[in-house]
């Protein structure tokens, strides 16, 4: 395309193609009046996004984030249940170590240092729930926790009930519940 005040100039690109470039300087184009047209064309080429395009993008992002957050809810429950099972095993090891030194199980597991709490806090008090522990005799104990989901397959479990039940994270359950949403160990 030829514009007034510009003389085409050819140069060679690396690929071998040729392209027209104006040989006049910018000040020459302003003198001839063609520069104003060039500036207007550049302004028209640099358009932004329309409001509708922006709303569509925001709606898509909102939809994707809500789908992801809904999916993360189940993952978080599974993670808390995995932590509960791990905590019960840790407490079981602590109690066995206590037994090897004292020749009896402790009356309360929270008298031992480093005993973990349930990962969910009481919404009213802000304190973390305790795991259920019952010393059956000097040589036997029962330890358990309610789970938010089903107990994973392959995890060994005892079904002897606590006298007062289990109430960690605000839910009530007992070791013999048929729902498989409980984990208990006994020694």
C-alpha atoms as a PDB file:
ATOM      1  CA  UNK A   1       0.000   0.000   0.000  1.00  0.00           C
ATOM      2  CA  UNK A   2       1.226   3.441  -0.884  1.00  0.00           C
ATOM      3  CA  UNK A   3       0.456   6.426   1.286  1.00  0.00           C
ATOM      4  CA  UNK A   4       1.109  10.040   0.440  1.00  0.00           C
ATOM      5  CA  UNK A   5       4.540  11.208   1.498  1.00  0.00           C
ATOM      6  CA  UNK A   6       6.002   7.710   1.621  1.00  0.00           C
ATOM      7  CA  UNK A   7       8.201   6.076  -0.962  1.00  0.00           C
ATOM      8  CA  UNK A   8       8.358   2.298  -0.632  1.00  0.00           C
ATOM      9  CA  UNK A   9      11.722   0.829   0.253  1.00  0.00           C
ATOM     10  CA  UNK A  10      12.473  -2.868  -0.131  1.00  0.00           C
ATOM     11  CA  UNK A  11      14.688  -4.867   2.164  1.00  0.00           C
ATOM     12  CA  UNK A  12      15.347  -8.554   2.485  1.00  0.00           C
ATOM     13  CA  UNK A  13      14.312 -10.676   5.480  1.00  0.00           C
ATOM     14  CA  UNK A  14      16.237 -13.810   6.506  1.00  0.00           C
ATOM     15  CA  UNK A  15      13.555 -16.025   5.017  1.00  0.00           C
ATOM     16  CA  UNK A  16      14.026 -14.354   1.664  1.00  0.00           C
ATOM     17  CA  UNK A  17      10.696 -12.483   1.695  1.00  0.00           C
ATOM     18  CA  UNK A  18      10.606  -8.838   0.772  1.00  0.00           C
ATOM     19  CA  UNK A  19       8.647  -6.163   2.596  1.00  0.00           C
ATOM     20  CA  UNK A  20       7.748  -2.558   1.880  1.00  0.00           C
ATOM     21  CA  UNK A  21       8.875   0.033   4.409  1.00  0.00           C
ATOM     22  CA  UNK A  22       8.497   3.798   4.226  1.00  0.00           C
ATOM     23  CA  UNK A  23      11.706   5.583   3.390  1.00  0.00           C
ATOM     24  CA  UNK A  24      10.568   8.931   4.782  1.00  0.00           C
ATOM     25  CA  UNK A  25      11.135   9.834   8.403  1.00  0.00           C
ATOM     26  CA  UNK A  26       8.345  10.366  10.894  1.00  0.00           C
ATOM     27  CA  UNK A  27       8.777  14.154  10.760  1.00  0.00           C
ATOM     28  CA  UNK A  28       8.468  14.050   6.946  1.00  0.00           C
ATOM     29  CA  UNK A  29       5.199  12.151   7.255  1.00  0.00           C
ATOM     30  CA  UNK A  30       3.842  14.722   9.717  1.00  0.00           C
ATOM     31  CA  UNK A  31       4.669  17.533   7.292  1.00  0.00           C
ATOM     32  CA  UNK A  32       2.741  15.839   4.529  1.00  0.00           C
ATOM     33  CA  UNK A  33      -0.264  15.014   6.756  1.00  0.00           C
ATOM     34  CA  UNK A  34       0.049  11.231   6.421  1.00  0.00           C
ATOM     35  CA  UNK A  35       1.380  10.819   9.966  1.00  0.00           C
ATOM     36  CA  UNK A  36      -1.966  11.707  11.477  1.00  0.00           C
ATOM     37  CA  UNK A  37      -3.628   8.900   9.518  1.00  0.00           C
ATOM     38  CA  UNK A  38      -0.879   6.493  10.617  1.00  0.00           C
ATOM     39  CA  UNK A  39      -1.359   7.424  14.288  1.00  0.00           C
ATOM     40  CA  UNK A  40      -5.139   6.968  14.003  1.00  0.00           C
ATOM     41  CA  UNK A  41      -4.717   3.529  12.460  1.00  0.00           C
ATOM     42  CA  UNK A  42      -2.394   2.434  15.267  1.00  0.00           C
ATOM     43  CA  UNK A  43      -4.934   3.625  17.874  1.00  0.00           C
ATOM     44  CA  UNK A  44      -7.691   1.664  16.167  1.00  0.00           C
ATOM     45  CA  UNK A  45      -5.554  -1.495  16.021  1.00  0.00           C
ATOM     46  CA  UNK A  46      -4.898  -1.420  19.802  1.00  0.00           C
ATOM     47  CA  UNK A  47      -8.417  -2.202  21.017  1.00  0.00           C
ATOM     48  CA  UNK A  48      -8.977  -3.710  24.477  1.00  0.00           C
ATOM     49  CA  UNK A  49     -11.408  -6.386  25.571  1.00  0.00           C
ATOM     50  CA  UNK A  50     -15.103  -5.662  25.558  1.00  0.00           C
ATOM     51  CA  UNK A  51     -17.178  -5.831  28.723  1.00  0.00           C
ATOM     52  CA  UNK A  52     -18.943  -8.979  27.542  1.00  0.00           C
ATOM     53  CA  UNK A  53     -15.634 -10.736  26.880  1.00  0.00           C
ATOM     54  CA  UNK A  54     -14.422  -9.842  30.370  1.00  0.00           C
ATOM     55  CA  UNK A  55     -17.673 -11.079  31.964  1.00  0.00           C
ATOM     56  CA  UNK A  56     -17.416 -14.385  30.119  1.00  0.00           C
ATOM     57  CA  UNK A  57     -13.834 -14.883  31.319  1.00  0.00           C
ATOM     58  CA  UNK A  58     -14.792 -14.070  34.921  1.00  0.00           C
ATOM     59  CA  UNK A  59     -17.745 -16.496  34.733  1.00  0.00           C
ATOM     60  CA  UNK A  60     -15.541 -19.310  33.398  1.00  0.00           C
ATOM     61  CA  UNK A  61     -12.928 -18.722  36.109  1.00  0.00           C
ATOM     62  CA  UNK A  62     -15.648 -18.716  38.783  1.00  0.00           C
ATOM     63  CA  UNK A  63     -17.124 -21.949  37.471  1.00  0.00           C
ATOM     64  CA  UNK A  64     -13.756 -23.697  37.370  1.00  0.00           C
ATOM     65  CA  UNK A  65     -12.785 -22.537  40.867  1.00  0.00           C
ATOM     66  CA  UNK A  66     -16.096 -23.724  42.355  1.00  0.00           C
ATOM     67  CA  UNK A  67     -15.648 -27.166  40.776  1.00  0.00           C
ATOM     68  CA  UNK A  68     -12.129 -27.401  42.184  1.00  0.00           C
ATOM     69  CA  UNK A  69     -13.177 -26.283  45.680  1.00  0.00           C
ATOM     70  CA  UNK A  70     -16.005 -28.823  45.811  1.00  0.00           C
ATOM     71  CA  UNK A  71     -13.547 -31.557  44.836  1.00  0.00           C
ATOM     72  CA  UNK A  72     -11.083 -30.482  47.522  1.00  0.00           C
ATOM     73  CA  UNK A  73     -13.660 -30.988  50.300  1.00  0.00           C
ATOM     74  CA  UNK A  74     -13.479 -34.773  50.004  1.00  0.00           C
ATOM     75  CA  UNK A  75      -9.699 -34.690  49.787  1.00  0.00           C
ATOM     76  CA  UNK A  76      -9.529 -32.674  53.016  1.00  0.00           C
ATOM     77  CA  UNK A  77     -11.791 -35.158  54.819  1.00  0.00           C
ATOM     78  CA  UNK A  78      -9.627 -38.049  53.648  1.00  0.00           C
ATOM     79  CA  UNK A  79      -6.498 -36.203  54.790  1.00  0.00           C
ATOM     80  CA  UNK A  80      -7.968 -35.603  58.265  1.00  0.00           C
ATOM     81  CA  UNK A  81      -8.962 -39.284  58.518  1.00  0.00           C
ATOM     82  CA  UNK A  82      -5.466 -40.366  57.495  1.00  0.00           C
ATOM     83  CA  UNK A  83      -4.051 -38.086  60.169  1.00  0.00           C
ATOM     84  CA  UNK A  84      -6.443 -39.547  62.767  1.00  0.00           C
ATOM     85  CA  UNK A  85      -5.312 -43.088  61.967  1.00  0.00           C
ATOM     86  CA  UNK A  86      -1.680 -41.991  62.125  1.00  0.00           C
ATOM     87  CA  UNK A  87      -2.285 -40.186  65.444  1.00  0.00           C
ATOM     88  CA  UNK A  88      -3.942 -43.278  66.955  1.00  0.00           C
ATOM     89  CA  UNK A  89      -0.924 -45.374  65.969  1.00  0.00           C
ATOM     90  CA  UNK A  90       1.422 -42.747  67.445  1.00  0.00           C
ATOM     91  CA  UNK A  91      -0.548 -42.685  70.708  1.00  0.00           C
ATOM     92  CA  UNK A  92      -0.543 -46.484  70.762  1.00  0.00           C
ATOM     93  CA  UNK A  93       3.277 -46.429  70.513  1.00  0.00           C
ATOM     94  CA  UNK A  94       3.483 -43.810  73.299  1.00  0.00           C
ATOM     95  CA  UNK A  95       1.256 -45.894  75.565  1.00  0.00           C
ATOM     96  CA  UNK A  96       3.315 -49.038  74.892  1.00  0.00           C
ATOM     97  CA  UNK A  97       6.525 -47.161  75.725  1.00  0.00           C
ATOM     98  CA  UNK A  98       4.891 -45.934  78.951  1.00  0.00           C
ATOM     99  CA  UNK A  99       3.867 -49.528  79.737  1.00  0.00           C
ATOM    100  CA  UNK A 100       7.421 -50.824  79.238  1.00  0.00           C
ATOM    101  CA  UNK A 101       8.683 -48.400  81.915  1.00  0.00           C
ATOM    102  CA  UNK A 102       5.743 -48.420  84.385  1.00  0.00           C
ATOM    103  CA  UNK A 103       4.369 -51.984  83.920  1.00  0.00           C
ATOM    104  CA  UNK A 104       0.866 -50.515  83.538  1.00  0.00           C
ATOM    105  CA  UNK A 105      -0.934 -48.322  81.031  1.00  0.00           C
ATOM    106  CA  UNK A 106      -1.466 -44.632  81.856  1.00  0.00           C
ATOM    107  CA  UNK A 107      -4.820 -43.557  83.304  1.00  0.00           C
ATOM    108  CA  UNK A 108      -5.036 -40.681  80.779  1.00  0.00           C
ATOM    109  CA  UNK A 109      -3.118 -40.386  77.505  1.00  0.00           C
ATOM    110  CA  UNK A 110      -3.121 -36.581  77.655  1.00  0.00           C
ATOM    111  CA  UNK A 111      -0.881 -36.714  80.723  1.00  0.00           C
ATOM    112  CA  UNK A 112       1.847 -37.943  78.371  1.00  0.00           C
ATOM    113  CA  UNK A 113       3.818 -35.230  76.612  1.00  0.00           C
ATOM    114  CA  UNK A 114       3.352 -34.833  72.877  1.00  0.00           C
ATOM    115  CA  UNK A 115      -0.002 -36.613  72.645  1.00  0.00           C
ATOM    116  CA  UNK A 116      -1.746 -35.399  69.472  1.00  0.00           C
ATOM    117  CA  UNK A 117      -5.272 -34.039  69.322  1.00  0.00           C
ATOM    118  CA  UNK A 118      -7.921 -34.475  66.639  1.00  0.00           C
ATOM    119  CA  UNK A 119      -7.283 -32.153  63.644  1.00  0.00           C
ATOM    120  CA  UNK A 120     -10.708 -30.487  64.051  1.00  0.00           C
ATOM    121  CA  UNK A 121     -11.297 -27.851  66.734  1.00  0.00           C
ATOM    122  CA  UNK A 122     -14.510 -27.297  68.665  1.00  0.00           C
ATOM    123  CA  UNK A 123     -16.157 -24.294  66.958  1.00  0.00           C
ATOM    124  CA  UNK A 124     -17.498 -22.937  70.261  1.00  0.00           C
ATOM    125  CA  UNK A 125     -14.339 -23.127  72.384  1.00  0.00           C
ATOM    126  CA  UNK A 126     -11.592 -23.305  69.768  1.00  0.00           C
ATOM    127  CA  UNK A 127      -9.995 -26.247  71.598  1.00  0.00           C
ATOM    128  CA  UNK A 128      -9.065 -29.363  69.662  1.00  0.00           C
ATOM    129  CA  UNK A 129     -11.021 -32.526  70.404  1.00  0.00           C
ATOM    130  CA  UNK A 130      -9.326 -35.382  72.252  1.00  0.00           C
ATOM    131  CA  UNK A 131      -9.137 -38.957  71.048  1.00  0.00           C
ATOM    132  CA  UNK A 132     -11.018 -41.555  73.060  1.00  0.00           C
ATOM    133  CA  UNK A 133      -8.914 -43.612  75.479  1.00  0.00           C
ATOM    134  CA  UNK A 134     -10.032 -46.045  78.119  1.00  0.00           C
ATOM    135  CA  UNK A 135      -7.742 -48.044  80.367  1.00  0.00           C
ATOM    136  CA  UNK A 136      -9.520 -51.388  80.731  1.00  0.00           C
ATOM    137  CA  UNK A 137      -6.988 -52.735  83.252  1.00  0.00           C
ATOM    138  CA  UNK A 138      -3.332 -52.269  84.107  1.00  0.00           C
ATOM    139  CA  UNK A 139      -2.526 -54.510  81.146  1.00  0.00           C
ATOM    140  CA  UNK A 140      -5.178 -53.455  78.617  1.00  0.00           C
ATOM    141  CA  UNK A 141      -6.493 -50.299  76.963  1.00  0.00           C
ATOM    142  CA  UNK A 142      -8.852 -49.194  74.200  1.00  0.00           C
ATOM    143  CA  UNK A 143      -8.087 -46.250  71.920  1.00  0.00           C
ATOM    144  CA  UNK A 144     -10.220 -44.850  69.106  1.00  0.00           C
ATOM    145  CA  UNK A 145     -11.459 -42.034  66.905  1.00  0.00           C
ATOM    146  CA  UNK A 146     -14.511 -41.296  64.759  1.00  0.00           C
ATOM    147  CA  UNK A 147     -13.709 -40.816  61.080  1.00  0.00           C
ATOM    148  CA  UNK A 148     -15.391 -38.467  58.616  1.00  0.00           C
ATOM    149  CA  UNK A 149     -15.354 -41.082  55.853  1.00  0.00           C
ATOM    150  CA  UNK A 150     -15.160 -44.852  55.574  1.00  0.00           C
ATOM    151  CA  UNK A 151     -12.196 -46.587  57.168  1.00  0.00           C
ATOM    152  CA  UNK A 152      -9.701 -47.525  54.440  1.00  0.00           C
ATOM    153  CA  UNK A 153      -9.647 -51.160  53.370  1.00  0.00           C
ATOM    154  CA  UNK A 154      -6.886 -53.195  54.995  1.00  0.00           C
ATOM    155  CA  UNK A 155      -6.752 -51.203  58.243  1.00  0.00           C
ATOM    156  CA  UNK A 156      -7.132 -53.569  61.196  1.00  0.00           C
ATOM    157  CA  UNK A 157      -9.771 -52.563  63.721  1.00  0.00           C
ATOM    158  CA  UNK A 158     -11.292 -53.893  66.949  1.00  0.00           C
ATOM    159  CA  UNK A 159     -15.007 -53.733  67.641  1.00  0.00           C
ATOM    160  CA  UNK A 160     -15.055 -53.592  71.433  1.00  0.00           C
ATOM    161  CA  UNK A 161     -17.075 -50.561  72.536  1.00  0.00           C
ATOM    162  CA  UNK A 162     -16.103 -47.745  74.863  1.00  0.00           C
ATOM    163  CA  UNK A 163     -18.348 -47.321  77.903  1.00  0.00           C
ATOM    164  CA  UNK A 164     -19.094 -43.680  77.050  1.00  0.00           C
ATOM    165  CA  UNK A 165     -18.585 -43.848  73.283  1.00  0.00           C
ATOM    166  CA  UNK A 166     -16.230 -41.710  71.195  1.00  0.00           C
ATOM    167  CA  UNK A 167     -16.835 -38.031  70.525  1.00  0.00           C
ATOM    168  CA  UNK A 168     -13.833 -36.561  68.747  1.00  0.00           C
ATOM    169  CA  UNK A 169     -14.565 -33.710  66.268  1.00  0.00           C
ATOM    170  CA  UNK A 170     -18.064 -33.365  67.707  1.00  0.00           C
ATOM    171  CA  UNK A 171     -19.495 -36.567  66.212  1.00  0.00           C
ATOM    172  CA  UNK A 172     -20.484 -39.572  68.262  1.00  0.00           C
ATOM    173  CA  UNK A 173     -19.575 -43.132  67.369  1.00  0.00           C
ATOM    174  CA  UNK A 174     -18.364 -46.367  68.929  1.00  0.00           C
ATOM    175  CA  UNK A 175     -16.004 -49.119  67.850  1.00  0.00           C
ATOM    176  CA  UNK A 176     -18.757 -51.570  66.916  1.00  0.00           C
ATOM    177  CA  UNK A 177     -20.544 -49.153  64.531  1.00  0.00           C
ATOM    178  CA  UNK A 178     -21.405 -50.871  61.268  1.00  0.00           C
ATOM    179  CA  UNK A 179     -20.770 -47.674  59.279  1.00  0.00           C
ATOM    180  CA  UNK A 180     -16.966 -48.292  59.199  1.00  0.00           C
ATOM    181  CA  UNK A 181     -16.514 -44.620  60.087  1.00  0.00           C
ATOM    182  CA  UNK A 182     -14.496 -45.400  63.207  1.00  0.00           C
ATOM    183  CA  UNK A 183     -10.985 -46.619  63.986  1.00  0.00           C
ATOM    184  CA  UNK A 184     -10.172 -48.400  67.254  1.00  0.00           C
ATOM    185  CA  UNK A 185      -7.179 -50.302  68.607  1.00  0.00           C
ATOM    186  CA  UNK A 186      -6.853 -52.430  71.738  1.00  0.00           C
ATOM    187  CA  UNK A 187      -3.989 -53.889  73.680  1.00  0.00           C
END
